[in-house]
Amino acid sequence: MRSARKLSRFLTAFAAAVFHVAVLGGVGTSAAEAGVLRRSRD
């Protein structure tokens, strides 16, 4: 169970990183960036 939990956590972080890059490369609104940064801090 631990490895599965670690994997899901990695996938979540990876998805967040991809989304962040997409936002920065696309619209790049400060509101979206702040939301992503807030989530990564959790």
PDB file of N, CA and C in Angstrom:
ATOM      1  N   MET A   1       0.829  -1.205   0.000  1.00  0.00           N
ATOM      2  CA  MET A   1       0.000   0.000   0.000  1.00  0.00           C
ATOM      3  C   MET A   1       0.868   1.262   0.000  1.00  0.00           C
ATOM      4  N   ARG A   2       2.005   1.179   0.668  1.00  0.00           N
ATOM      5  CA  ARG A   2       2.856   2.365   0.764  1.00  0.00           C
ATOM      6  C   ARG A   2       3.367   2.793  -0.608  1.00  0.00           C
ATOM      7  N   SER A   3       3.813   1.811  -1.395  1.00  0.00           N
ATOM      8  CA  SER A   3       4.351   2.127  -2.716  1.00  0.00           C
ATOM      9  C   SER A   3       3.257   2.715  -3.613  1.00  0.00           C
ATOM     10  N   ALA A   4       2.046   2.176  -3.503  1.00  0.00           N
ATOM     11  CA  ALA A   4       0.930   2.677  -4.303  1.00  0.00           C
ATOM     12  C   ALA A   4       0.609   4.115  -3.908  1.00  0.00           C
ATOM     13  N   ARG A   5       0.688   4.380  -2.623  1.00  0.00           N
ATOM     14  CA  ARG A   5       0.398   5.725  -2.139  1.00  0.00           C
ATOM     15  C   ARG A   5       1.470   6.700  -2.632  1.00  0.00           C
ATOM     16  N   LYS A   6       2.709   6.227  -2.617  1.00  0.00           N
ATOM     17  CA  LYS A   6       3.828   7.048  -3.081  1.00  0.00           C
ATOM     18  C   LYS A   6       3.663   7.355  -4.569  1.00  0.00           C
ATOM     19  N   LEU A   7       3.234   6.352  -5.323  1.00  0.00           N
ATOM     20  CA  LEU A   7       3.061   6.520  -6.759  1.00  0.00           C
ATOM     21  C   LEU A   7       1.965   7.533  -7.060  1.00  0.00           C
ATOM     22  N   SER A   8       0.835   7.413  -6.371  1.00  0.00           N
ATOM     23  CA  SER A   8      -0.275   8.341  -6.594  1.00  0.00           C
ATOM     24  C   SER A   8       0.142   9.760  -6.234  1.00  0.00           C
ATOM     25  N   ARG A   9       0.970   9.872  -5.189  1.00  0.00           N
ATOM     26  CA  ARG A   9       1.439  11.189  -4.764  1.00  0.00           C
ATOM     27  C   ARG A   9       2.350  11.786  -5.835  1.00  0.00           C
ATOM     28  N   PHE A  10       3.192  10.940  -6.413  1.00  0.00           N
ATOM     29  CA  PHE A  10       4.097  11.387  -7.474  1.00  0.00           C
ATOM     30  C   PHE A  10       3.301  11.819  -8.704  1.00  0.00           C
ATOM     31  N   LEU A  11       2.281  11.031  -9.057  1.00  0.00           N
ATOM     32  CA  LEU A  11       1.454  11.364 -10.215  1.00  0.00           C
ATOM     33  C   LEU A  11       0.740  12.693  -9.999  1.00  0.00           C
ATOM     34  N   THR A  12       0.270  12.927  -8.770  1.00  0.00           N
ATOM     35  CA  THR A  12      -0.414  14.185  -8.457  1.00  0.00           C
ATOM     36  C   THR A  12       0.547  15.354  -8.609  1.00  0.00           C
ATOM     37  N   ALA A  13       1.757  15.193  -8.077  1.00  0.00           N
ATOM     38  CA  ALA A  13       2.766  16.249  -8.176  1.00  0.00           C
ATOM     39  C   ALA A  13       3.161  16.474  -9.636  1.00  0.00           C
ATOM     40  N   PHE A  14       3.280  15.387 -10.389  1.00  0.00           N
ATOM     41  CA  PHE A  14       3.647  15.478 -11.804  1.00  0.00           C
ATOM     42  C   PHE A  14       2.560  16.207 -12.591  1.00  0.00           C
ATOM     43  N   ALA A  15       1.301  15.863 -12.318  1.00  0.00           N
ATOM     44  CA  ALA A  15       0.180  16.512 -13.000  1.00  0.00           C
ATOM     45  C   ALA A  15       0.157  18.001 -12.672  1.00  0.00           C
ATOM     46  N   ALA A  16       0.420  18.337 -11.407  1.00  0.00           N
ATOM     47  CA  ALA A  16       0.434  19.740 -10.990  1.00  0.00           C
ATOM     48  C   ALA A  16       1.555  20.492 -11.704  1.00  0.00           C
ATOM     49  N   ALA A  17       2.713  19.835 -11.833  1.00  0.00           N
ATOM     50  CA  ALA A  17       3.850  20.466 -12.513  1.00  0.00           C
ATOM     51  C   ALA A  17       3.534  20.709 -13.983  1.00  0.00           C
ATOM     52  N   VAL A  18       2.936  19.715 -14.630  1.00  0.00           N
ATOM     53  CA  VAL A  18       2.567  19.850 -16.040  1.00  0.00           C
ATOM     54  C   VAL A  18       1.554  20.976 -16.213  1.00  0.00           C
ATOM     55  N   PHE A  19       0.574  21.029 -15.309  1.00  0.00           N
ATOM     56  CA  PHE A  19      -0.445  22.080 -15.365  1.00  0.00           C
ATOM     57  C   PHE A  19       0.202  23.448 -15.185  1.00  0.00           C
ATOM     58  N   HIS A  20       1.131  23.537 -14.239  1.00  0.00           N
ATOM     59  CA  HIS A  20       1.826  24.796 -13.970  1.00  0.00           C
ATOM     60  C   HIS A  20       2.584  25.262 -15.212  1.00  0.00           C
ATOM     61  N   VAL A  21       3.291  24.330 -15.856  1.00  0.00           N
ATOM     62  CA  VAL A  21       4.037  24.661 -17.070  1.00  0.00           C
ATOM     63  C   VAL A  21       3.078  25.110 -18.170  1.00  0.00           C
ATOM     64  N   ALA A  22       1.944  24.438 -18.286  1.00  0.00           N
ATOM     65  CA  ALA A  22       0.959  24.782 -19.306  1.00  0.00           C
ATOM     66  C   ALA A  22       0.415  26.186 -19.068  1.00  0.00           C
ATOM     67  N   VAL A  23       0.176  26.507 -17.805  1.00  0.00           N
ATOM     68  CA  VAL A  23      -0.346  27.834 -17.458  1.00  0.00           C
ATOM     69  C   VAL A  23       0.698  28.905 -17.767  1.00  0.00           C
ATOM     70  N   LEU A  24       1.946  28.632 -17.380  1.00  0.00           N
ATOM     71  CA  LEU A  24       3.019  29.607 -17.617  1.00  0.00           C
ATOM     72  C   LEU A  24       3.254  29.791 -19.113  1.00  0.00           C
ATOM     73  N   GLY A  25       3.189  28.686 -19.856  1.00  0.00           N
ATOM     74  CA  GLY A  25       3.432  28.756 -21.288  1.00  0.00           C
ATOM     75  C   GLY A  25       2.226  29.287 -22.059  1.00  0.00           C
ATOM     76  N   GLY A  26       1.045  29.168 -21.466  1.00  0.00           N
ATOM     77  CA  GLY A  26      -0.176  29.611 -22.134  1.00  0.00           C
ATOM     78  C   GLY A  26      -0.640  30.966 -21.640  1.00  0.00           C
ATOM     79  N   VAL A  27      -1.730  30.971 -20.908  1.00  0.00           N
ATOM     80  CA  VAL A  27      -2.312  32.221 -20.430  1.00  0.00           C
ATOM     81  C   VAL A  27      -1.399  32.864 -19.391  1.00  0.00           C
ATOM     82  N   GLY A  28      -1.013  32.080 -18.373  1.00  0.00           N
ATOM     83  CA  GLY A  28      -0.098  32.588 -17.357  1.00  0.00           C
ATOM     84  C   GLY A  28      -0.730  33.640 -16.464  1.00  0.00           C
ATOM     85  N   THR A  29      -2.000  33.462 -16.107  1.00  0.00           N
ATOM     86  CA  THR A  29      -2.655  34.426 -15.231  1.00  0.00           C
ATOM     87  C   THR A  29      -2.119  34.293 -13.816  1.00  0.00           C
ATOM     88  N   SER A  30      -1.933  35.411 -13.142  1.00  0.00           N
ATOM     89  CA  SER A  30      -1.382  35.395 -11.784  1.00  0.00           C
ATOM     90  C   SER A  30      -2.292  34.612 -10.843  1.00  0.00           C
ATOM     91  N   ALA A  31      -3.587  34.658 -11.085  1.00  0.00           N
ATOM     92  CA  ALA A  31      -4.542  33.949 -10.226  1.00  0.00           C
ATOM     93  C   ALA A  31      -4.308  32.440 -10.321  1.00  0.00           C
ATOM     94  N   ALA A  32      -4.136  31.929 -11.524  1.00  0.00           N
ATOM     95  CA  ALA A  32      -3.899  30.496 -11.711  1.00  0.00           C
ATOM     96  C   ALA A  32      -2.561  30.101 -11.094  1.00  0.00           C
ATOM     97  N   GLU A  33      -1.550  30.941 -11.290  1.00  0.00           N
ATOM     98  CA  GLU A  33      -0.225  30.649 -10.727  1.00  0.00           C
ATOM     99  C   GLU A  33      -0.299  30.588  -9.209  1.00  0.00           C
ATOM    100  N   ALA A  34      -1.004  31.532  -8.609  1.00  0.00           N
ATOM    101  CA  ALA A  34      -1.138  31.563  -7.149  1.00  0.00           C
ATOM    102  C   ALA A  34      -1.841  30.299  -6.663  1.00  0.00           C
ATOM    103  N   GLY A  35      -2.853  29.847  -7.401  1.00  0.00           N
ATOM    104  CA  GLY A  35      -3.582  28.640  -7.018  1.00  0.00           C
ATOM    105  C   GLY A  35      -2.677  27.421  -7.062  1.00  0.00           C
ATOM    106  N   VAL A  36      -1.851  27.329  -8.099  1.00  0.00           N
ATOM    107  CA  VAL A  36      -0.930  26.192  -8.229  1.00  0.00           C
ATOM    108  C   VAL A  36       0.105  26.227  -7.120  1.00  0.00           C
ATOM    109  N   LEU A  37       0.650  27.419  -6.851  1.00  0.00           N
ATOM    110  CA  LEU A  37       1.673  27.549  -5.811  1.00  0.00           C
ATOM    111  C   LEU A  37       1.092  27.175  -4.458  1.00  0.00           C
ATOM    112  N   ARG A  38      -0.137  27.585  -4.208  1.00  0.00           N
ATOM    113  CA  ARG A  38      -0.785  27.288  -2.931  1.00  0.00           C
ATOM    114  C   ARG A  38      -0.962  25.782  -2.771  1.00  0.00           C
ATOM    115  N   ARG A  39      -1.323  25.099  -3.861  1.00  0.00           N
ATOM    116  CA  ARG A  39      -1.536  23.645  -3.800  1.00  0.00           C
ATOM    117  C   ARG A  39      -0.220  22.910  -3.578  1.00  0.00           C
ATOM    118  N   SER A  40       0.836  23.353  -4.231  1.00  0.00           N
ATOM    119  CA  SER A  40       2.130  22.671  -4.096  1.00  0.00           C
ATOM    120  C   SER A  40       2.677  22.827  -2.683  1.00  0.00           C
ATOM    121  N   ARG A  41       2.333  23.917  -2.009  1.00  0.00           N
ATOM    122  CA  ARG A  41       2.805  24.131  -0.638  1.00  0.00           C
ATOM    123  C   ARG A  41       2.152  23.146   0.327  1.00  0.00           C
ATOM    124  N   ASP A  42       0.931  22.756   0.036  1.00  0.00           N
ATOM    125  CA  ASP A  42       0.245  21.776   0.892  1.00  0.00           C
ATOM    126  C   ASP A  42       1.008  20.460   0.828  1.00  0.00           C
TER     127      ASP A  42
END
